[in-house]
Structures are given as C-alpha cells and as structure tokens.
C-alpha cells in the first residue's frame, strides 16, 4: 500500500525561469519512463518530490518546462543528479536507489508495525524484500501466500517469535530463519523495545 502526503504548495512551480536542457519532448518521455520503471503513480512522485501532481502531469505531457528548482526536486526523488536527469539516457547511472524517506515504499505503517519495501516496485513479484519494524507487543500476522512460497528472515534488532503453521521458533539479533509462508504465519515482537528484521519472500 503506497502512501502519500500533501504537497506544500505551488510556489516553486510559479518561478519564471525555465530549465535549459533537452527539448520538452525528450524530457517528458524520459520522465514518463522513469516513473513507469519505478512503478510510481503521479501522486507517489508528487509526495517524493514535493512538486504538485498537476505540474508533474503538465511536464510529462510536454505542456510545461520545469524550473531549475522543480527539476532538482524531481531528480532527487529518483535518486539522480540534475545532470543525470537532463542528460541522454546513455549517460545515466544504472544504479537504482531507494531512499530511506521515500513514501512510495512504505507498504504499511501503524502504531504496531511498519513495513518498508526495499526491492524496486517495478520488479516481477518473484522475490520481494522488506524491512519490518515491530513495536513492543507488535505482531505481523499473514494469511497463506501462494503454494510453495517461503520467507527468509534475519533479525537485525530485538527478539522475535516466528510462527509458521503449527511450528514456532524464537530468534535473537543476528539470527536468521526460513519457513513456509503458504500456511498462516506470523512475526511477534517478544521484547520491550522495537524489533527490526529484514524479510525476503520468494514465490514459486
């Protein structure tokens, strides 16, 4: 589940100086491709860049040129420098970055549990990588996934109980476990402070 936050307002978009760079056609195509590659909606990009959805839509359709400030915000949202954003694709970095404060990658966040997706959102759903933070007394209970699905868990901080079907095991920081995820399964924080774990789902 992707989350977004309200933008701070349109002041940046109203700056008169437009960015000097590639023609608007090539830039809008590049921006559409970047967003498609990440699997982002316009709302997710607006939240990550602090640029309004309407302005992003106009830029992607070639109806507006971004100002320098707007281009910098868009580039940062994608983990790119301004030069990489406006340069030709062949000069872009092949490294894809997921920033720690990227709201598009918050899968779940409530008083007991936060799940952050660490794998690119556009990947096929054969492998998924998550950071799971459980508050004291917090738990993450899941219905069975597809047949043959397994989860691989490493505890970074705290103490967890893993439940898989009728089996249970307790893990401390540094411990790892793998278990069936095609049966009801759960992670339970046994400590008095936050627990942090890294979770990989592998689907067959």
Protein backbone atom coordinates (compact mmCIF):
# COMPACT_ATOMS: atom_id res chain seq x y z
CA UNK A 1 0.00 0.00 0.00
CA UNK A 2 1.58 3.25 -1.11
CA UNK A 3 1.22 6.30 0.98
CA UNK A 4 1.46 9.94 0.02
CA UNK A 5 1.48 13.30 1.75
CA UNK A 6 0.14 16.67 0.74
CA UNK A 7 2.46 18.93 -1.20
CA UNK A 8 3.47 22.24 0.36
CA UNK A 9 2.04 24.41 -2.36
CA UNK A 10 2.71 25.64 -5.87
CA UNK A 11 5.21 28.41 -5.09
CA UNK A 12 8.15 26.57 -6.69
CA UNK A 13 6.29 25.82 -9.91
CA UNK A 14 5.48 29.52 -10.43
CA UNK A 15 9.11 30.63 -10.67
CA UNK A 16 9.56 32.21 -14.11
CA UNK A 17 12.95 30.83 -15.11
CA UNK A 18 12.62 27.60 -17.09
CA UNK A 19 15.30 24.92 -17.16
CA UNK A 20 17.68 24.98 -20.08
CA UNK A 21 18.12 21.35 -21.12
CA UNK A 22 16.79 18.80 -23.59
CA UNK A 23 13.77 19.64 -25.67
CA UNK A 24 10.47 19.23 -23.88
CA UNK A 25 9.58 16.16 -25.95
CA UNK A 26 12.63 14.14 -24.93
CA UNK A 27 12.40 15.28 -21.31
CA UNK A 28 8.74 14.36 -20.94
CA UNK A 29 9.43 10.92 -22.45
CA UNK A 30 12.32 10.39 -20.04
CA UNK A 31 10.21 11.42 -17.05
CA UNK A 32 7.36 9.10 -18.05
CA UNK A 33 9.81 6.23 -18.46
CA UNK A 34 11.46 6.89 -15.09
CA UNK A 35 8.10 6.84 -13.35
CA UNK A 36 6.98 3.70 -15.18
CA UNK A 37 10.25 1.94 -14.33
CA UNK A 38 9.70 2.69 -10.64
CA UNK A 39 6.04 1.73 -10.74
CA UNK A 40 5.10 5.11 -9.26
CA UNK A 41 1.83 6.94 -9.62
CA UNK A 42 1.82 10.69 -10.13
CA UNK A 43 0.68 11.01 -6.52
CA UNK A 44 3.68 9.00 -5.29
CA UNK A 45 6.09 11.13 -7.32
CA UNK A 46 4.41 14.30 -6.07
CA UNK A 47 4.89 13.15 -2.47
CA UNK A 48 8.53 12.16 -3.07
CA UNK A 49 9.48 15.34 -4.97
CA UNK A 50 7.27 17.94 -3.26
CA UNK A 51 6.07 19.04 -6.69
CA UNK A 52 2.33 19.18 -7.31
CA UNK A 53 0.64 16.38 -9.26
CA UNK A 54 -0.80 18.86 -11.77
CA UNK A 55 2.63 20.33 -12.53
CA UNK A 56 4.18 16.87 -12.93
CA UNK A 57 1.38 15.90 -15.29
CA UNK A 58 1.94 19.02 -17.42
CA UNK A 59 5.70 18.38 -17.59
CA UNK A 60 5.23 14.74 -18.59
CA UNK A 61 2.81 15.76 -21.35
CA UNK A 62 5.21 18.38 -22.68
CA UNK A 63 2.88 21.25 -21.77
CA UNK A 64 5.31 22.88 -19.32
CA UNK A 65 9.06 23.11 -18.82
CA UNK A 66 10.27 22.63 -15.25
CA UNK A 67 12.13 25.40 -13.49
CA UNK A 68 15.59 24.59 -12.17
CA UNK A 69 14.22 24.16 -8.63
CA UNK A 70 11.49 21.80 -9.81
CA UNK A 71 13.93 19.76 -11.91
CA UNK A 72 16.25 19.40 -8.89
CA UNK A 73 13.37 18.12 -6.75
CA UNK A 74 12.31 15.61 -9.39
CA UNK A 75 15.90 14.41 -9.85
CA UNK A 76 16.34 13.93 -6.09
CA UNK A 77 13.11 11.95 -5.88
CA UNK A 78 14.58 9.48 -8.39
CA UNK A 79 17.99 9.42 -6.71
CA UNK A 80 19.59 11.22 -9.67
CA UNK A 81 21.68 14.33 -10.07
CA UNK A 82 20.30 17.16 -12.14
CA UNK A 83 22.81 16.32 -14.88
CA UNK A 84 21.64 12.70 -14.99
CA UNK A 85 18.04 13.83 -15.28
CA UNK A 86 18.59 16.13 -18.25
CA UNK A 87 21.38 14.16 -19.96
CA UNK A 88 20.91 11.49 -22.59
CA UNK A 89 19.88 8.04 -21.25
CA UNK A 90 23.26 6.54 -22.15
CA UNK A 91 24.92 8.80 -19.58
CA UNK A 92 22.57 7.90 -16.71
CA UNK A 93 23.67 5.72 -13.84
CA UNK A 94 22.45 2.12 -13.93
CA UNK A 95 22.17 2.14 -10.14
CA UNK A 96 18.61 2.26 -8.86
CA UNK A 97 18.27 3.82 -5.40
CA UNK A 98 15.51 3.50 -2.81
CA UNK A 99 15.81 6.39 -0.36
CA UNK A 100 15.11 5.82 3.32
CA UNK A 101 12.47 8.56 3.36
CA UNK A 102 10.73 7.53 0.12
CA UNK A 103 6.99 7.45 0.97
CA UNK A 104 6.19 5.31 -2.08
CA UNK A 105 7.99 2.37 -0.47
CA UNK A 106 6.08 2.41 2.84
CA UNK A 107 3.91 -0.68 2.47
CA UNK A 108 2.29 -0.43 5.91
CA UNK A 109 2.63 1.95 8.85
CA UNK A 110 0.60 1.95 12.06
CA UNK A 111 1.11 2.03 15.83
CA UNK A 112 2.33 -1.57 15.99
CA UNK A 113 4.09 -2.27 12.71
CA UNK A 114 5.88 -0.59 9.83
CA UNK A 115 6.81 -2.42 6.63
CA UNK A 116 9.07 -0.78 4.06
CA UNK A 117 9.64 -2.28 0.62
CA UNK A 118 13.36 -2.49 -0.17
CA UNK A 119 13.05 -4.03 -3.63
CA UNK A 120 12.18 -1.93 -6.72
CA UNK A 121 8.43 -1.66 -7.15
CA UNK A 122 8.60 -2.48 -10.86
CA UNK A 123 10.19 -5.93 -10.41
CA UNK A 124 8.23 -9.06 -11.14
CA UNK A 125 6.75 -10.46 -7.95
CA UNK A 126 9.03 -13.48 -7.78
CA UNK A 127 11.13 -12.00 -4.96
CA UNK A 128 10.17 -9.25 -2.51
CA UNK A 129 12.45 -7.67 0.09
CA UNK A 130 11.14 -5.83 3.16
CA UNK A 131 12.25 -4.10 6.34
CA UNK A 132 9.84 -4.91 9.19
CA UNK A 133 9.76 -2.82 12.38
CA UNK A 134 7.56 -4.12 15.20
CA UNK A 135 6.77 -2.07 18.29
CA UNK A 136 6.69 -3.74 21.76
CA UNK A 137 3.82 -6.28 21.73
CA UNK A 138 3.55 -5.72 17.98
CA UNK A 139 2.95 -8.57 15.59
CA UNK A 140 2.59 -9.19 11.87
CA UNK A 141 0.12 -11.95 11.03
CA UNK A 142 -0.29 -13.10 7.45
CA UNK A 143 -2.69 -15.36 5.62
CA UNK A 144 -1.15 -18.12 3.47
CA UNK A 145 0.61 -16.91 0.33
CA UNK A 146 0.76 -18.85 -2.93
CA UNK A 147 1.67 -22.56 -2.76
CA UNK A 148 5.40 -23.05 -2.38
CA UNK A 149 6.12 -19.56 -1.03
CA UNK A 150 8.89 -19.35 1.57
CA UNK A 151 10.09 -16.47 3.70
CA UNK A 152 13.68 -15.81 4.76
CA UNK A 153 14.09 -13.65 7.86
CA UNK A 154 17.10 -12.04 9.53
CA UNK A 155 16.69 -10.24 12.86
CA UNK A 156 18.67 -7.02 12.98
CA UNK A 157 17.49 -5.84 16.40
CA UNK A 158 15.42 -7.26 19.27
CA UNK A 159 13.83 -10.67 19.81
CA UNK A 160 11.13 -12.23 17.62
CA UNK A 161 8.95 -15.31 17.60
CA UNK A 162 8.29 -16.84 14.19
CA UNK A 163 5.11 -18.88 13.71
CA UNK A 164 4.58 -21.00 10.61
CA UNK A 165 1.65 -23.36 10.59
CA UNK A 166 1.99 -25.26 13.87
CA UNK A 167 5.72 -24.56 14.28
CA UNK A 168 7.29 -21.76 16.33
CA UNK A 169 10.86 -20.59 16.95
CA UNK A 170 12.39 -17.67 18.86
CA UNK A 171 15.11 -15.57 17.23
CA UNK A 172 17.56 -13.03 18.64
CA UNK A 173 19.51 -10.26 16.89
CA UNK A 174 21.76 -11.79 14.23
CA UNK A 175 19.67 -14.97 13.87
CA UNK A 176 18.14 -16.00 10.56
CA UNK A 177 15.37 -18.45 9.70
CA UNK A 178 13.46 -19.71 6.68
CA UNK A 179 9.95 -21.11 6.86
CA UNK A 180 6.82 -21.91 4.89
CA UNK A 181 4.68 -18.91 4.01
CA UNK A 182 1.95 -20.87 2.19
CA UNK A 183 0.38 -21.52 5.61
CA UNK A 184 -0.76 -18.98 8.23
CA UNK A 185 2.38 -17.37 9.63
CA UNK A 186 3.37 -14.56 11.95
CA UNK A 187 6.18 -12.48 13.43
CA UNK A 188 5.76 -11.43 17.08
CA UNK A 189 7.96 -8.99 18.99
CA UNK A 190 8.91 -10.59 22.32
CA UNK A 191 10.95 -7.66 23.64
CA UNK A 192 10.24 -4.36 25.36
CA UNK A 193 11.70 -2.23 22.58
CA UNK A 194 11.33 -2.05 18.80
CA UNK A 195 12.44 -5.06 16.81
CA UNK A 196 13.85 -4.72 13.30
CA UNK A 197 14.03 -7.57 10.80
CA UNK A 198 14.72 -8.00 7.10
CA UNK A 199 12.31 -10.25 5.28
CA UNK A 200 12.53 -11.84 1.83
CA UNK A 201 9.51 -13.52 0.19
CA UNK A 202 10.30 -15.99 -2.57
CA UNK A 203 7.39 -17.13 -4.71
CA UNK A 204 7.48 -20.28 -6.83
